[in-house]
Protein backbone atom coordinates (compact mmCIF):
# COMPACT_ATOMS: atom_id res chain seq x y z
CA MET A 1 186.82 -201.05 84.94
CA LYS A 2 187.41 -204.18 86.97
CA PRO A 3 190.40 -206.44 86.28
CA ASN A 4 188.18 -209.39 85.32
CA GLN A 5 186.36 -207.23 82.73
CA ILE A 6 189.63 -206.10 81.18
CA ALA A 7 190.92 -209.67 81.19
CA ALA A 8 187.81 -210.80 79.29
CA ALA A 9 188.36 -208.11 76.63
CA GLU A 10 192.01 -209.10 76.24
CA LEU A 11 191.02 -212.77 75.97
CA ALA A 12 188.50 -211.91 73.25
CA LEU A 13 191.10 -209.99 71.26
CA ALA A 14 193.74 -212.70 71.56
CA SER A 15 191.28 -215.32 70.34
CA ALA A 16 189.90 -213.11 67.54
CA LYS A 17 193.36 -212.33 66.16
CA LYS A 18 193.78 -216.02 65.35
CA LYS A 19 190.66 -216.07 63.19
CA SER A 20 190.87 -212.93 61.01
CA ILE A 21 193.20 -210.40 59.44
CA TYR A 22 191.80 -207.67 61.70
CA ALA A 23 189.92 -207.73 65.00
CA GLU A 24 188.57 -205.26 67.52
CA VAL A 25 186.83 -205.51 70.89
CA ARG A 26 184.62 -203.04 72.77
CA LEU A 27 183.99 -203.48 76.49
CA VAL A 28 181.16 -201.22 77.66
CA GLU A 29 179.65 -200.44 81.04
CA GLU A 30 176.58 -198.16 81.14
CA SER A 31 174.36 -196.75 83.88
CA SER A 32 171.45 -194.33 83.80
CA GLU A 33 168.95 -192.59 86.06
CA LYS A 34 165.74 -190.71 85.23
CA LEU A 35 163.86 -188.66 87.80
CA ALA A 36 160.40 -187.48 86.74
CA ALA A 37 157.56 -185.47 88.25
CA GLN A 38 154.04 -185.45 86.86
CA ASP A 39 151.86 -182.68 88.22
CA GLU A 40 152.54 -182.77 91.98
CA SER A 41 153.55 -186.43 92.00
CA LEU A 42 157.15 -187.60 92.05
CA GLN A 43 157.54 -190.81 90.04
CA PRO A 44 159.74 -193.70 91.22
CA PRO A 45 163.31 -193.29 89.94
CA GLN A 46 164.08 -195.23 86.76
CA ARG A 47 167.56 -196.74 86.95
CA SER A 48 169.45 -199.17 84.79
CA ALA A 49 172.92 -200.70 84.70
CA LYS A 50 174.20 -202.90 81.90
CA SER A 51 177.46 -204.09 80.50
CA GLY A 52 178.80 -206.33 77.80
CA LEU A 53 181.48 -207.07 75.28
CA ALA A 54 181.36 -206.81 71.48
CA VAL A 55 183.70 -208.44 68.97
CA ARG A 56 184.11 -207.35 65.35
CA LEU A 57 186.30 -209.15 62.81
CA TRP A 58 187.21 -208.30 59.21
CA LYS A 59 187.98 -210.84 56.47
CA ARG A 60 186.54 -209.61 53.13
CA GLY A 61 183.63 -208.30 55.22
CA TRP A 62 182.60 -207.70 58.82
CA GLY A 63 181.58 -210.31 61.34
CA PHE A 64 180.04 -209.14 64.61
CA ALA A 65 178.85 -210.71 67.85
CA ALA A 66 178.31 -209.60 71.44
CA THR A 67 177.81 -211.11 74.87
CA CYS A 68 176.68 -209.87 78.28
CA SER A 69 178.61 -212.68 79.96
CA LEU A 70 182.33 -212.25 80.48
CA GLU A 71 182.93 -215.89 81.33
CA PRO A 72 185.67 -217.38 79.08
CA ASP A 73 183.27 -219.81 77.36
CA ALA A 74 180.81 -217.01 76.51
CA VAL A 75 183.61 -214.78 75.22
CA GLN A 76 184.93 -217.59 73.03
CA ARG A 77 181.46 -218.27 71.62
CA ALA A 78 181.11 -214.61 70.67
CA VAL A 79 184.43 -214.74 68.84
CA GLU A 80 183.39 -217.91 67.00
CA GLU A 81 180.06 -216.36 65.99
CA ALA A 82 181.74 -213.20 64.68
CA ALA A 83 184.29 -215.25 62.74
CA ALA A 84 181.55 -217.30 61.13
CA LEU A 85 179.95 -214.14 59.70
CA THR A 86 183.03 -212.69 58.01
CA GLY A 87 183.73 -212.93 54.30
CA PHE A 88 180.26 -212.20 52.89
CA ALA A 89 181.05 -208.79 51.36
CA GLY A 90 183.88 -207.37 49.31
CA GLY A 91 185.69 -204.10 49.89
CA SER A 92 188.61 -202.65 51.74
CA LEU A 93 189.20 -200.53 54.81
CA ALA A 94 190.96 -197.28 55.58
CA PRO A 95 193.97 -197.66 57.92
CA PRO A 96 193.07 -198.82 61.44
CA SER A 97 193.64 -196.94 64.65
CA THR A 98 196.83 -197.48 66.62
CA ALA A 99 195.88 -195.00 69.36
CA ARG A 100 196.76 -195.61 72.98
CA ALA A 101 194.89 -193.00 74.97
CA GLN A 102 192.38 -192.07 77.66
CA TRP A 103 189.57 -189.53 77.29
CA GLN A 104 186.93 -188.23 79.69
CA GLY A 105 183.99 -185.99 78.89
CA GLU A 106 183.25 -182.87 80.87
CA CYS A 107 181.63 -183.35 84.29
CA LYS A 108 182.11 -180.92 87.16
CA LEU A 109 179.31 -182.21 89.39
CA ASP A 110 178.81 -185.97 89.12
CA PRO A 111 175.01 -186.52 89.21
CA PHE A 112 175.42 -190.10 90.41
CA ALA A 113 177.31 -188.90 93.48
CA LEU A 114 174.61 -186.41 94.54
CA PRO A 115 171.96 -187.37 97.12
CA LEU A 116 168.68 -188.50 95.58
CA SER A 117 166.72 -186.28 97.98
CA TRP A 118 168.61 -183.18 96.86
CA LYS A 119 168.07 -183.94 93.16
CA THR A 120 164.35 -184.58 93.61
CA GLU A 121 163.94 -181.32 95.55
CA ARG A 122 165.40 -179.44 92.59
CA LEU A 123 163.11 -181.33 90.24
CA LEU A 124 159.97 -180.55 92.24
CA GLU A 125 160.89 -176.86 92.30
CA VAL A 126 160.99 -176.88 88.50
CA ALA A 127 157.75 -178.86 88.21
CA ALA A 128 155.96 -176.39 90.49
CA ALA A 129 156.95 -173.52 88.18
CA LEU A 130 154.94 -175.12 85.34
CA GLU A 131 151.73 -173.95 86.98
CA ALA A 132 149.17 -171.68 85.28
CA LYS A 133 145.39 -171.39 85.63
CA ALA A 134 144.55 -173.41 82.54
CA VAL A 135 147.46 -175.88 82.78
CA THR A 136 146.03 -179.31 83.53
CA ALA A 137 149.12 -181.49 83.15
CA ARG A 138 152.76 -180.84 83.95
CA GLU A 139 155.85 -182.93 83.39
CA ALA A 140 159.46 -182.36 84.37
CA ALA A 141 162.37 -184.76 84.22
CA PHE A 142 166.09 -184.94 84.90
CA ILE A 143 168.05 -187.64 83.03
CA PHE A 144 171.60 -188.79 83.75
CA SER A 145 173.83 -191.36 82.08
CA ARG A 146 177.42 -192.57 82.33
CA LYS A 147 179.32 -194.83 79.97
CA LYS A 148 182.75 -196.39 80.39
CA GLN A 149 184.30 -198.02 77.35
CA LEU A 150 187.52 -199.85 76.59
CA TYR A 151 188.42 -200.31 72.91
CA LEU A 152 191.14 -202.74 71.75
CA ASN A 153 192.20 -203.80 68.29
CA SER A 154 194.71 -206.14 66.68
CA GLN A 155 196.93 -203.23 65.57
CA GLY A 156 197.73 -202.33 69.17
CA ALA A 157 195.10 -199.65 69.84
CA ARG A 158 193.94 -199.33 73.43
CA VAL A 159 191.51 -196.50 74.17
CA TYR A 160 189.59 -195.92 77.40
CA GLN A 161 186.77 -193.36 77.46
CA GLU A 162 184.28 -192.16 80.04
CA HIS A 163 181.19 -190.17 79.04
CA PHE A 164 178.77 -188.34 81.31
CA GLU A 165 175.47 -186.96 79.98
CA THR A 166 172.97 -184.81 81.82
CA GLY A 167 169.61 -183.70 80.46
CA TYR A 168 166.24 -182.23 81.32
CA SER A 169 162.77 -182.04 79.79
CA LEU A 170 159.75 -179.82 80.56
CA LYS A 171 156.15 -179.92 79.29
CA ALA A 172 152.95 -178.05 80.10
CA VAL A 173 149.50 -178.97 78.72
CA ALA A 174 146.63 -176.48 78.95
CA GLN A 175 142.93 -177.05 78.26
CA GLY A 176 140.03 -174.67 77.78
CA ALA A 177 137.79 -172.95 75.24
CA GLY A 178 137.37 -176.28 73.47
CA ARG A 179 141.11 -176.59 72.84
CA ALA A 180 144.17 -178.29 74.21
CA ALA A 181 147.66 -176.86 73.80
CA THR A 182 151.15 -178.12 74.65
CA ARG A 183 154.42 -176.26 75.11
CA SER A 184 157.72 -178.09 75.64
CA TYR A 185 161.26 -177.10 76.53
CA PRO A 186 163.81 -177.43 75.06
CA ASN A 187 162.12 -179.76 72.55
CA CYS A 188 159.29 -182.25 72.17
CA LEU A 189 161.69 -185.14 71.58
CA GLY A 190 162.63 -186.19 75.10
CA GLY A 191 164.98 -183.53 76.41
CA GLY A 192 168.06 -181.43 75.95
CA PHE A 193 171.42 -182.97 76.84
CA ALA A 194 175.07 -182.10 77.20
CA GLN A 195 178.22 -184.01 78.04
CA ALA A 196 178.32 -182.50 81.50
CA GLY A 197 177.33 -183.10 85.08
CA PHE A 198 174.54 -181.60 87.16
CA GLU A 199 176.03 -178.17 86.48
CA PHE A 200 174.26 -178.31 83.10
CA ILE A 201 170.89 -178.24 84.89
CA GLN A 202 172.01 -175.52 87.28
CA LYS A 203 172.95 -173.24 84.37
CA ALA A 204 169.73 -173.83 82.43
CA ASP A 205 167.45 -171.35 84.30
CA LEU A 206 164.69 -173.94 84.29
CA ILE A 207 162.38 -172.08 86.68
CA ARG A 208 162.09 -169.18 84.23
CA GLN A 209 161.69 -171.49 81.26
CA ALA A 210 158.99 -173.48 83.08
CA GLU A 211 157.05 -170.31 83.86
CA ARG A 212 157.33 -169.18 80.23
CA ILE A 213 156.05 -172.37 78.60
CA ALA A 214 153.18 -172.68 81.11
CA LYS A 215 152.07 -169.15 80.25
CA GLU A 216 152.39 -169.81 76.51
CA ALA A 217 150.40 -173.07 76.71
CA GLU A 218 147.60 -171.08 78.35
CA GLU A 219 147.83 -168.27 75.77
CA LEU A 220 147.57 -170.75 72.90
CA LEU A 221 144.03 -171.67 73.96
CA THR A 222 142.81 -168.34 72.62
CA ALA A 223 145.53 -167.60 70.08
CA PRO A 224 144.49 -166.95 66.47
CA PRO A 225 145.27 -169.59 63.82
CA ALA A 226 148.51 -169.36 61.91
CA PRO A 227 148.29 -167.53 58.57
CA CYS A 228 148.43 -169.53 55.34
CA GLY A 229 150.30 -169.06 52.09
CA LYS A 230 153.88 -168.46 51.07
CA LEU A 231 155.44 -166.81 54.12
CA ASP A 232 158.91 -165.95 55.35
CA LEU A 233 160.12 -167.95 58.34
CA VAL A 234 162.74 -167.55 61.04
CA LEU A 235 163.69 -170.96 62.44
CA CYS A 236 165.61 -171.30 65.70
CA GLY A 237 166.07 -173.65 68.65
CA SER A 238 165.01 -177.25 68.32
CA GLN A 239 163.10 -176.56 65.09
CA LEU A 240 166.16 -175.47 63.12
CA ALA A 241 168.13 -178.30 64.74
CA LEU A 242 165.58 -180.88 63.58
CA GLN A 243 165.38 -179.36 60.08
CA LEU A 244 169.18 -179.59 59.86
CA HIS A 245 169.17 -183.10 61.30
CA GLU A 246 166.57 -184.54 58.95
CA THR A 247 167.43 -182.88 55.63
CA PHE A 248 171.23 -182.50 55.86
CA GLY A 249 172.52 -184.62 58.76
CA HIS A 250 171.03 -187.94 57.66
CA ALA A 251 171.46 -187.11 53.98
CA LEU A 252 175.23 -186.69 54.49
CA GLU A 253 175.78 -190.10 56.13
CA LEU A 254 177.87 -191.77 53.45
CA ASP A 255 176.58 -195.32 53.94
CA ARG A 256 173.07 -193.97 53.33
CA ALA A 257 174.27 -191.88 50.37
CA LEU A 258 175.90 -194.99 48.82
CA GLY A 259 172.72 -197.05 49.24
CA CYS A 260 174.32 -199.35 51.82
CA GLU A 261 172.02 -198.48 54.73
CA GLU A 262 168.50 -198.10 53.38
CA SER A 263 166.71 -200.53 55.69
CA LEU A 264 165.46 -197.74 57.97
CA ALA A 265 164.35 -194.40 56.50
CA GLY A 266 165.86 -194.91 53.06
CA GLY A 267 168.65 -193.25 51.15
CA SER A 268 169.77 -189.71 50.34
CA PHE A 269 169.31 -187.02 47.70
CA LEU A 270 172.95 -186.10 48.35
CA THR A 271 174.81 -188.90 46.59
CA PRO A 272 178.62 -188.75 46.21
CA GLU A 273 178.48 -187.18 42.74
CA LYS A 274 176.85 -184.16 44.40
CA LEU A 275 180.21 -183.16 45.91
CA GLY A 276 180.80 -179.56 44.95
CA GLU A 277 177.18 -179.00 43.96
CA GLU A 278 175.28 -176.00 45.29
CA VAL A 279 172.43 -177.32 47.47
CA ALA A 280 171.86 -174.26 49.68
CA SER A 281 172.45 -170.53 49.65
CA HIS A 282 175.91 -169.10 50.35
CA PHE A 283 174.73 -168.28 53.89
CA VAL A 284 174.67 -172.00 54.79
CA ASN A 285 177.79 -173.58 56.33
CA ILE A 286 177.58 -176.93 58.12
CA THR A 287 180.30 -178.67 60.14
CA ALA A 288 180.54 -182.08 61.81
CA ASP A 289 182.46 -181.61 65.04
CA SER A 290 182.92 -184.43 67.55
CA THR A 291 185.69 -182.45 69.31
CA ALA A 292 183.38 -179.71 70.70
CA PRO A 293 183.52 -179.61 74.52
CA GLY A 294 180.17 -180.54 76.05
CA GLY A 295 178.50 -181.45 72.76
CA PRO A 296 176.01 -184.36 72.96
CA GLY A 297 177.80 -185.96 69.99
CA SER A 298 181.33 -185.39 71.28
CA PHE A 299 183.91 -188.04 72.13
CA GLY A 300 187.62 -188.63 72.07
CA PHE A 301 187.53 -191.57 69.66
CA ASP A 302 184.73 -193.20 67.71
CA ASP A 303 183.85 -196.88 67.98
CA GLU A 304 186.54 -197.85 65.47
CA GLY A 305 189.18 -196.07 67.56
CA THR A 306 189.42 -193.15 65.09
CA PRO A 307 190.19 -189.81 66.77
CA ALA A 308 187.42 -187.20 67.02
CA GLN A 309 187.50 -184.66 64.19
CA LYS A 310 186.06 -181.35 63.02
CA LEU A 311 185.15 -181.64 59.34
CA PRO A 312 183.30 -179.37 56.91
CA LEU A 313 180.18 -180.82 55.25
CA VAL A 314 178.71 -177.78 53.47
CA ARG A 315 180.60 -174.58 52.68
CA SER A 316 178.85 -171.52 51.19
CA GLY A 317 175.98 -173.78 50.20
CA ARG A 318 178.11 -176.42 48.42
CA VAL A 319 178.55 -180.03 49.56
CA VAL A 320 182.20 -180.59 50.50
CA GLY A 321 182.11 -183.72 52.67
CA PHE A 322 180.24 -186.64 54.19
CA LEU A 323 180.09 -188.43 57.53
CA THR A 324 182.36 -191.44 57.00
CA SER A 325 183.92 -194.60 58.43
CA ARG A 326 186.87 -196.89 57.65
CA GLU A 327 184.69 -198.92 55.28
CA HIS A 328 182.62 -196.11 53.74
CA ASN A 329 184.72 -193.10 52.76
CA LEU A 330 185.81 -191.24 49.64
CA THR A 331 189.37 -190.32 50.61
CA GLY A 332 190.92 -193.49 51.99
CA LYS A 333 190.56 -192.07 55.49
CA SER A 334 187.82 -192.36 58.10
CA GLY A 335 186.10 -189.19 59.32
CA GLY A 336 185.49 -190.81 62.72
CA ALA A 337 181.69 -191.03 62.66
CA MET A 338 181.17 -194.67 63.71
CA ARG A 339 179.03 -195.09 66.82
CA ALA A 340 177.11 -197.94 68.41
CA ALA A 341 174.12 -197.28 70.66
CA SER A 342 175.20 -199.90 73.21
CA TRP A 343 177.56 -202.81 73.81
CA GLN A 344 175.28 -205.21 71.88
CA ASP A 345 175.09 -203.07 68.72
CA GLN A 346 177.33 -202.98 65.68
CA PRO A 347 178.81 -199.52 64.97
CA LEU A 348 177.16 -197.49 62.20
CA ILE A 349 177.91 -194.13 60.62
CA ARG A 350 176.06 -191.71 62.88
CA MET A 351 175.88 -187.96 63.14
CA THR A 352 178.25 -186.47 65.69
CA ASN A 353 177.60 -182.77 66.37
CA VAL A 354 176.32 -181.54 62.99
CA ASN A 355 176.35 -177.78 63.46
CA MET A 356 175.26 -174.79 61.41
CA GLU A 357 177.81 -172.01 61.58
CA PRO A 358 176.70 -168.52 62.74
CA GLY A 359 176.34 -165.66 60.28
CA GLN A 360 176.48 -161.88 60.52
CA GLU A 361 173.03 -160.63 61.59
CA THR A 362 171.32 -160.46 64.96
CA LEU A 363 168.04 -162.29 65.55
CA GLN A 364 166.33 -158.89 65.71
CA GLU A 365 167.72 -158.00 62.27
CA LEU A 366 166.44 -161.27 60.79
CA ILE A 367 162.97 -160.54 62.16
CA ALA A 368 163.11 -156.91 61.02
CA GLY A 369 163.56 -158.07 57.43
CA ILE A 370 160.15 -159.80 57.34
CA GLU A 371 156.92 -158.10 56.32
CA LEU A 372 154.68 -161.09 57.13
CA GLY A 373 155.92 -164.37 58.54
CA LEU A 374 156.52 -166.58 61.56
CA LEU A 375 159.23 -167.40 64.06
CA LEU A 376 159.19 -171.14 64.83
CA ASP A 377 161.12 -172.86 67.62
CA VAL A 378 159.61 -176.22 68.71
CA PRO A 379 158.05 -178.88 66.43
CA ASN A 380 155.43 -181.38 67.52
CA SER A 381 155.45 -183.70 64.48
CA TRP A 382 157.27 -184.15 61.20
CA SER A 383 157.81 -186.42 58.23
CA VAL A 384 160.58 -186.76 55.64
CA ASP A 385 160.63 -188.85 52.48
CA GLN A 386 162.92 -191.81 51.81
CA ASN A 387 165.65 -189.64 50.27
CA ARG A 388 165.53 -186.83 52.87
CA LEU A 389 164.26 -184.41 50.21
CA ASN A 390 160.56 -183.63 50.76
CA PHE A 391 159.59 -182.72 54.32
CA HIS A 392 156.66 -181.56 56.43
CA PHE A 393 156.88 -180.06 59.93
CA ALA A 394 154.09 -179.13 62.36
CA GLN A 395 154.70 -176.80 65.30
CA GLU A 396 153.55 -176.48 68.86
CA ALA A 397 153.14 -172.74 68.22
CA GLY A 398 154.42 -169.89 66.13
CA TYR A 399 155.21 -166.25 66.82
CA LEU A 400 153.57 -164.00 64.23
CA ILE A 401 155.85 -161.42 62.58
CA LYS A 402 154.29 -158.33 60.96
CA ARG A 403 156.23 -155.41 59.57
CA GLY A 404 159.43 -156.58 61.23
CA ARG A 405 158.03 -157.09 64.75
CA ILE A 406 156.84 -160.06 66.84
CA GLN A 407 153.07 -159.65 67.37
CA GLY A 408 152.25 -162.67 69.55
CA LEU A 409 151.47 -166.38 69.45
CA VAL A 410 149.53 -168.16 66.72
CA ALA A 411 148.26 -171.73 66.86
CA GLY A 412 148.86 -174.72 64.61
CA PRO A 413 151.43 -173.61 62.01
CA THR A 414 152.82 -176.20 59.63
CA TYR A 415 155.26 -175.83 56.77
CA TRP A 416 156.60 -178.07 54.02
CA GLY A 417 158.88 -178.11 51.03
CA ASP A 418 161.74 -179.51 48.99
CA ALA A 419 165.02 -179.45 50.95
CA ARG A 420 167.04 -178.04 48.05
CA ARG A 421 164.68 -175.14 47.38
CA PHE A 422 164.19 -174.52 51.10
CA TRP A 423 167.90 -174.23 51.92
CA ARG A 424 168.56 -172.18 48.78
CA ASN A 425 165.98 -169.69 50.06
CA CYS A 426 167.96 -169.07 53.26
CA ASP A 427 168.97 -165.40 53.11
CA GLY A 428 170.20 -164.68 56.63
CA VAL A 429 171.82 -166.41 59.62
CA SER A 430 172.17 -164.99 63.13
CA ASN A 431 175.55 -164.29 64.70
CA SER A 432 175.18 -166.57 67.74
CA ALA A 433 174.42 -170.26 68.15
CA LEU A 434 173.15 -172.51 70.96
CA TRP A 435 173.34 -176.25 71.55
CA GLN A 436 170.26 -178.31 70.77
CA THR A 437 169.74 -182.07 71.03
CA VAL A 438 167.94 -184.70 68.99
CA PRO A 439 167.87 -187.38 71.70
CA ASN A 440 166.00 -190.04 69.73
CA CYS A 441 167.92 -190.37 66.45
CA GLY A 442 167.20 -193.81 65.00
CA LYS A 443 169.06 -195.82 62.39
CA GLY A 444 169.72 -199.42 61.47
CA LEU A 445 168.00 -202.76 61.87
CA PRO A 446 167.85 -203.75 64.67
CA LEU A 447 167.05 -200.12 65.48
CA GLN A 448 169.74 -198.15 67.31
CA VAL A 449 168.82 -194.88 69.05
CA VAL A 450 171.49 -192.33 69.99
CA ARG A 451 171.64 -188.68 71.04
CA VAL A 452 172.88 -186.20 68.48
CA GLY A 453 174.02 -182.63 69.06
CA HIS A 454 173.39 -179.61 66.84
CA LYS A 455 174.72 -176.15 67.62
CA VAL A 456 172.51 -173.84 65.61
CA PRO A 457 171.90 -170.11 65.18
CA ALA A 458 168.60 -168.69 63.92
CA ALA A 459 168.07 -168.58 60.15
CA ARG A 460 165.62 -166.85 57.80
CA PHE A 461 163.94 -168.63 54.88
CA ARG A 462 161.90 -166.92 52.15
CA GLU A 463 158.61 -167.96 50.54
CA VAL A 464 157.90 -171.17 52.43
CA ASP A 465 154.54 -172.95 52.10
CA VAL A 466 152.71 -172.51 55.41
CA ALA A 467 149.23 -173.56 56.57
CA PHE A 468 147.15 -173.81 59.73
CA GLY A 469 146.94 -177.36 61.04
CA GLY A 470 148.22 -179.02 57.85
CA ARG A 471 148.21 -178.66 54.13
CA PRO A 472 145.17 -176.81 52.77
């Protein structure tokens, strides 16, 4: 960061310390680039660069303000605005950070240093592989971002971090026989991401994946409808990640569980008194891990300066922990889950990498244990109630399982249920896990959107309500 930027942050902290018992400053510089191809057409690059400074003060409650100007007058106004907002809530805080450190995320091949022509050539190669006879629309995208952040607080903490993120997204739409069908990779949400450089794309085998989803989109035009009734399911990929995200990840955010953050998407069925309660089968183990190399939700320190941590949330089906902050915690210690979407946003408790631990079986063994059911991997729509309990998911496609074998694609499967019953009916988890991303996780008012990582295996669930195209 430039000397004048650092000087502005230090000025903000010095001024804020005079007006509160605790103060912290975040200086953030962000840049992004998205390259997209639609059919044979390369779209103009989408680029952005933004920076700003945020001030947060504590005096019987938080006061927050931010400014995109680093001129001394603008910095002072931000401090005055934050100070004016303190003191409207009671409570206390866990001990503050005193860290003095630097952290950089993984990046072997800086995407911002690569020639634009070379990156677009790679993108067009992937887009061309989405071709099939019935495919009428193709989309491919590469997405890059970089964030530099300096955190200071009145207890002497000084933490500099640099994050790189690289992602990709593929989609093929086929039409024919009076139908339209879509297949996406790795999800329908806007892409898969890692804290990495362009090497993440090089390792992803996108040509093969593009050819596969184009073929499957075409096959879905004549695929039979999904069966209905109480069926056994194997969930994997972005579908299991989203199921985990919606029914456990959000439910275990402590501010939501305490009723302090209900303005967007409500509260939680997992309130603090549920600690120790069995809410899933003994096969289910869930961990929040912001230390995992390359994880989309990894960092060195959260936005309160708390070091990254690996913490259990569910063990053998029982709730053992929550995602926490200095203000909202049950132990007098922050779990390091405070993140802000940008320089102008106040930090909130957000999921880091909320992962489901692998089990003992292979994917083939999970499938072999099903007489009639479906393997599901990519959703196309979903809904969850205000307490993260009742859910409904619709799929791009399903793979029919009969007598322990995959038989082929079926169209339009949906499933629904109660999260407690659903997770208690998990009776097998595969022995390997892969990173998935929810890149559009929203929370707070004003809305903040961040990327969240989930490393998930495949898992089998018994007697789930399933229908074709919706509830019967």
